[in-house]
Amino acid sequence: MFTVVVALLALVATFLQTKTSGREAGRAYRAAVDWWNSEDELVAEQRWWWRRWATRRELRSWRDQDTAAGIRHVQSVLVGWMLLLLVAIMGLGKAIWDVAAATL
């Protein structure tokens, strides 16, 4: 049972850190995030997936270097923390599985 509590605490801590880091990266690169959100809104207006892909590619070509770097940084921060969050969920699942297997 101790392993379940530890895994749950690791999951909660990772979730909080993910949320905090995402907000901080968003604030630090506010202009890039605004541009990224605008691109998403324009792409969402396209009806077919291949048109969305072409629109996104065209919008990426309009970005300046600083905006593109800011978007890449925010994306990498989010992906990194999401992967850690996934590992924490898997750890909690394994701990619950082990406790359930030991009680049967």
C-alpha atoms as a PDB file:
ATOM      1  CA  MET A   1       0.000   0.000   0.000  1.00  0.00           C
ATOM      2  CA  PHE A   2       2.940   2.313   0.660  1.00  0.00           C
ATOM      3  CA  THR A   3       3.990   2.094  -2.996  1.00  0.00           C
ATOM      4  CA  VAL A   4       0.505   3.186  -4.105  1.00  0.00           C
ATOM      5  CA  VAL A   5       0.638   6.255  -1.850  1.00  0.00           C
ATOM      6  CA  VAL A   6       4.131   7.161  -3.069  1.00  0.00           C
ATOM      7  CA  ALA A   7       3.105   6.699  -6.720  1.00  0.00           C
ATOM      8  CA  LEU A   8      -0.026   8.798  -6.163  1.00  0.00           C
ATOM      9  CA  LEU A   9       2.008  11.584  -4.558  1.00  0.00           C
ATOM     10  CA  ALA A  10       4.464  11.467  -7.476  1.00  0.00           C
ATOM     11  CA  LEU A  11       1.547  11.745  -9.896  1.00  0.00           C
ATOM     12  CA  VAL A  12       0.021  14.715  -8.070  1.00  0.00           C
ATOM     13  CA  ALA A  13       3.395  16.470  -7.821  1.00  0.00           C
ATOM     14  CA  THR A  14       4.105  15.865 -11.509  1.00  0.00           C
ATOM     15  CA  PHE A  15       0.657  17.171 -12.464  1.00  0.00           C
ATOM     16  CA  LEU A  16       1.187  20.338 -10.426  1.00  0.00           C
ATOM     17  CA  GLN A  17       4.638  20.872 -11.916  1.00  0.00           C
ATOM     18  CA  THR A  18       3.268  20.314 -15.426  1.00  0.00           C
ATOM     19  CA  LYS A  19       0.574  22.916 -14.830  1.00  0.00           C
ATOM     20  CA  THR A  20       3.034  25.408 -13.333  1.00  0.00           C
ATOM     21  CA  SER A  21       5.668  24.951 -16.032  1.00  0.00           C
ATOM     22  CA  GLY A  22       3.072  25.269 -18.779  1.00  0.00           C
ATOM     23  CA  ARG A  23       1.820  28.544 -17.347  1.00  0.00           C
ATOM     24  CA  GLU A  24       5.334  29.915 -16.880  1.00  0.00           C
ATOM     25  CA  ALA A  25       6.357  28.989 -20.422  1.00  0.00           C
ATOM     26  CA  GLY A  26       3.146  30.525 -21.737  1.00  0.00           C
ATOM     27  CA  ARG A  27       3.789  33.773 -19.872  1.00  0.00           C
ATOM     28  CA  ALA A  28       7.434  33.940 -20.923  1.00  0.00           C
ATOM     29  CA  TYR A  29       6.544  33.443 -24.575  1.00  0.00           C
ATOM     30  CA  ARG A  30       3.156  35.218 -24.629  1.00  0.00           C
ATOM     31  CA  ALA A  31       3.498  36.553 -28.192  1.00  0.00           C
ATOM     32  CA  ALA A  32       4.439  33.117 -29.530  1.00  0.00           C
ATOM     33  CA  VAL A  33       1.544  31.452 -27.710  1.00  0.00           C
ATOM     34  CA  ASP A  34      -0.886  34.066 -29.043  1.00  0.00           C
ATOM     35  CA  TRP A  35       0.397  33.444 -32.571  1.00  0.00           C
ATOM     36  CA  TRP A  36       0.099  29.663 -32.045  1.00  0.00           C
ATOM     37  CA  ASN A  37      -3.489  30.024 -30.800  1.00  0.00           C
ATOM     38  CA  SER A  38      -4.357  32.214 -33.786  1.00  0.00           C
ATOM     39  CA  GLU A  39      -2.943  29.581 -36.129  1.00  0.00           C
ATOM     40  CA  ASP A  40      -5.041  26.903 -34.417  1.00  0.00           C
ATOM     41  CA  GLU A  41      -8.190  28.990 -34.846  1.00  0.00           C
ATOM     42  CA  LEU A  42      -7.490  29.516 -38.546  1.00  0.00           C
ATOM     43  CA  VAL A  43      -6.736  25.833 -39.087  1.00  0.00           C
ATOM     44  CA  ALA A  44      -9.919  24.803 -37.234  1.00  0.00           C
ATOM     45  CA  GLU A  45     -11.964  26.714 -39.810  1.00  0.00           C
ATOM     46  CA  GLN A  46     -10.794  24.345 -42.553  1.00  0.00           C
ATOM     47  CA  ARG A  47     -13.248  21.568 -43.286  1.00  0.00           C
ATOM     48  CA  TRP A  48     -11.051  18.751 -44.553  1.00  0.00           C
ATOM     49  CA  TRP A  49      -7.950  17.346 -42.854  1.00  0.00           C
ATOM     50  CA  TRP A  50      -5.715  17.790 -45.916  1.00  0.00           C
ATOM     51  CA  ARG A  51      -6.721  21.425 -46.120  1.00  0.00           C
ATOM     52  CA  ARG A  52      -5.876  21.783 -42.429  1.00  0.00           C
ATOM     53  CA  TRP A  53      -2.446  20.300 -43.030  1.00  0.00           C
ATOM     54  CA  ALA A  54      -1.771  22.632 -45.963  1.00  0.00           C
ATOM     55  CA  THR A  55      -3.032  25.644 -44.018  1.00  0.00           C
ATOM     56  CA  ARG A  56      -0.854  24.818 -41.011  1.00  0.00           C
ATOM     57  CA  ARG A  57       2.183  24.411 -43.262  1.00  0.00           C
ATOM     58  CA  GLU A  58       1.517  27.772 -44.902  1.00  0.00           C
ATOM     59  CA  LEU A  59       1.027  29.503 -41.551  1.00  0.00           C
ATOM     60  CA  ARG A  60       4.319  28.067 -40.290  1.00  0.00           C
ATOM     61  CA  SER A  61       6.094  29.693 -43.220  1.00  0.00           C
ATOM     62  CA  TRP A  62       4.774  33.092 -42.083  1.00  0.00           C
ATOM     63  CA  ARG A  63       6.362  32.854 -38.618  1.00  0.00           C
ATOM     64  CA  ASP A  64       9.427  34.892 -37.835  1.00  0.00           C
ATOM     65  CA  GLN A  65      12.399  33.167 -36.205  1.00  0.00           C
ATOM     66  CA  ASP A  66      11.715  34.412 -32.673  1.00  0.00           C
ATOM     67  CA  THR A  67       8.079  33.314 -32.766  1.00  0.00           C
ATOM     68  CA  ALA A  68       8.995  29.914 -34.181  1.00  0.00           C
ATOM     69  CA  ALA A  69      11.646  29.431 -31.494  1.00  0.00           C
ATOM     70  CA  GLY A  70       9.179  30.451 -28.780  1.00  0.00           C
ATOM     71  CA  ILE A  71       6.548  28.025 -30.049  1.00  0.00           C
ATOM     72  CA  ARG A  72       9.110  25.204 -30.223  1.00  0.00           C
ATOM     73  CA  HIS A  73      10.217  25.961 -26.667  1.00  0.00           C
ATOM     74  CA  VAL A  74       6.668  25.938 -25.295  1.00  0.00           C
ATOM     75  CA  GLN A  75       5.906  22.724 -27.205  1.00  0.00           C
ATOM     76  CA  SER A  76       9.029  21.002 -25.879  1.00  0.00           C
ATOM     77  CA  VAL A  77       8.234  22.059 -22.291  1.00  0.00           C
ATOM     78  CA  LEU A  78       4.700  20.723 -22.611  1.00  0.00           C
ATOM     79  CA  VAL A  79       5.728  17.465 -24.294  1.00  0.00           C
ATOM     80  CA  GLY A  80       8.453  16.825 -21.725  1.00  0.00           C
ATOM     81  CA  TRP A  81       6.124  17.304 -18.780  1.00  0.00           C
ATOM     82  CA  MET A  82       3.341  15.301 -20.434  1.00  0.00           C
ATOM     83  CA  LEU A  83       5.744  12.393 -20.874  1.00  0.00           C
ATOM     84  CA  LEU A  84       6.696  12.617 -17.204  1.00  0.00           C
ATOM     85  CA  LEU A  85       3.002  12.735 -16.328  1.00  0.00           C
ATOM     86  CA  LEU A  86       2.432   9.594 -18.415  1.00  0.00           C
ATOM     87  CA  VAL A  87       5.269   7.822 -16.591  1.00  0.00           C
ATOM     88  CA  ALA A  88       3.766   8.830 -13.239  1.00  0.00           C
ATOM     89  CA  ILE A  89       0.374   7.431 -14.312  1.00  0.00           C
ATOM     90  CA  MET A  90       2.033   4.209 -15.417  1.00  0.00           C
ATOM     91  CA  GLY A  91       3.883   4.006 -12.092  1.00  0.00           C
ATOM     92  CA  LEU A  92       0.628   4.420 -10.185  1.00  0.00           C
ATOM     93  CA  GLY A  93      -1.012   1.751 -12.327  1.00  0.00           C
ATOM     94  CA  LYS A  94       1.872  -0.652 -11.696  1.00  0.00           C
ATOM     95  CA  ALA A  95       1.757  -0.002  -7.952  1.00  0.00           C
ATOM     96  CA  ILE A  96      -2.000  -0.642  -7.860  1.00  0.00           C
ATOM     97  CA  TRP A  97      -1.522  -3.777  -9.973  1.00  0.00           C
ATOM     98  CA  ASP A  98       1.160  -5.107  -7.611  1.00  0.00           C
ATOM     99  CA  VAL A  99      -0.972  -4.452  -4.529  1.00  0.00           C
ATOM    100  CA  ALA A 100      -3.997  -6.089  -6.149  1.00  0.00           C
ATOM    101  CA  ALA A 101      -1.929  -9.109  -7.228  1.00  0.00           C
ATOM    102  CA  ALA A 102      -0.473  -9.500  -3.738  1.00  0.00           C
ATOM    103  CA  THR A 103      -3.910  -9.506  -2.099  1.00  0.00           C
ATOM    104  CA  LEU A 104      -5.343 -12.173  -4.398  1.00  0.00           C
END
